[in-house]
Every structure is written in C-alpha cells, then in structure tokens.
Amino acid sequence: MKVSEVREMSVADLRDRIEIEKANLDSMKINHAISPLEDTSKFKKTRQDIARMITILAEKEKQN
C-alpha cells in the first residue's frame, strides 16, 4: 500500500485497516507453519504496511 493511499484514509478507516492487516498477518503465519508459502517476502511487506499505517495514524491523531 502506498503512502499517498494511506494518507487519504480517515482515522477510523486506518484503525480498521490496521486490525484487518494484523489479522491477515496472523493467518499468513499460521498457514506458513502448516504449509510453507512460496513468497515469504509477503511477511515483510505486510509488517511494513502495518508500521506505515500506525505511523500515519499517530501523525493524524497528533494534528487533531
């Protein structure tokens, strides 16, 4: 997810999206333990997206 896309989202949308992505990461980890994923770089990309969204959420909350 691009930074410009994340910045356009509202605070409530960001919170919802963060929870969805965290759940997605957990399910990917479980699925990987059962049967290995072909592209393990998805873990890193998902973690980076979550961190990016949390950072922008904190910026938006600080502005308000």
Protein backbone atom coordinates (compact mmCIF):
# COMPACT_ATOMS: atom_id res chain seq x y z
CA MET A 1 0.00 0.00 0.00
CA LYS A 2 1.38 3.39 -0.98
CA VAL A 3 1.85 6.23 1.46
CA SER A 4 -0.41 8.50 -0.59
CA GLU A 5 -3.23 5.96 -0.33
CA VAL A 6 -2.80 5.68 3.42
CA ARG A 7 -2.73 9.47 3.93
CA GLU A 8 -6.08 9.81 2.13
CA MET A 9 -7.78 7.45 4.58
CA SER A 10 -9.67 8.75 7.60
CA VAL A 11 -8.59 7.91 11.16
CA ALA A 12 -11.41 5.39 11.61
CA ASP A 13 -10.59 3.72 8.29
CA LEU A 14 -6.94 3.49 9.29
CA ARG A 15 -7.78 1.82 12.60
CA ASP A 16 -10.00 -0.71 10.82
CA ARG A 17 -7.41 -1.39 8.13
CA ILE A 18 -4.65 -1.90 10.73
CA GLU A 19 -6.76 -4.52 12.52
CA ILE A 20 -7.53 -6.26 9.22
CA GLU A 21 -3.86 -6.34 8.23
CA LYS A 22 -2.80 -7.66 11.65
CA ALA A 23 -5.36 -10.46 11.34
CA ASN A 24 -4.13 -11.16 7.82
CA LEU A 25 -0.53 -11.38 9.05
CA ASP A 26 -1.51 -13.79 11.82
CA SER A 27 -3.36 -16.05 9.39
CA MET A 28 -0.40 -15.97 6.98
CA LYS A 29 1.91 -17.06 9.81
CA ILE A 30 -0.41 -19.94 10.73
CA ASN A 31 -0.74 -21.02 7.11
CA HIS A 32 3.03 -20.83 6.69
CA ALA A 33 3.53 -23.12 9.69
CA ILE A 34 1.22 -25.70 8.14
CA SER A 35 2.40 -25.46 4.56
CA PRO A 36 5.26 -23.12 3.59
CA LEU A 37 4.42 -20.10 1.47
CA GLU A 38 6.12 -19.68 -1.87
CA ASP A 39 6.75 -15.97 -1.37
CA THR A 40 7.85 -15.31 2.20
CA SER A 41 8.57 -11.65 1.41
CA LYS A 42 4.85 -11.05 1.96
CA PHE A 43 5.54 -11.18 5.71
CA LYS A 44 7.96 -8.27 5.48
CA LYS A 45 5.70 -6.27 3.17
CA THR A 46 2.69 -6.73 5.44
CA ARG A 47 4.66 -5.75 8.56
CA GLN A 48 5.95 -2.64 6.78
CA ASP A 49 2.42 -1.69 5.67
CA ILE A 50 1.15 -2.06 9.24
CA ALA A 51 4.01 0.07 10.59
CA ARG A 52 3.39 2.71 7.92
CA MET A 53 -0.31 2.88 8.77
CA ILE A 54 0.40 3.11 12.52
CA THR A 55 2.86 5.96 11.93
CA ILE A 56 0.44 7.94 9.77
CA LEU A 57 -2.38 7.28 12.26
CA ALA A 58 -0.22 8.73 15.04
CA GLU A 59 0.55 11.79 12.90
CA LYS A 60 -3.14 12.38 12.19
CA GLU A 61 -4.11 11.97 15.83
CA LYS A 62 -1.39 14.40 16.87
CA GLN A 63 -2.71 17.02 14.44
CA ASN A 64 -6.18 16.84 15.94
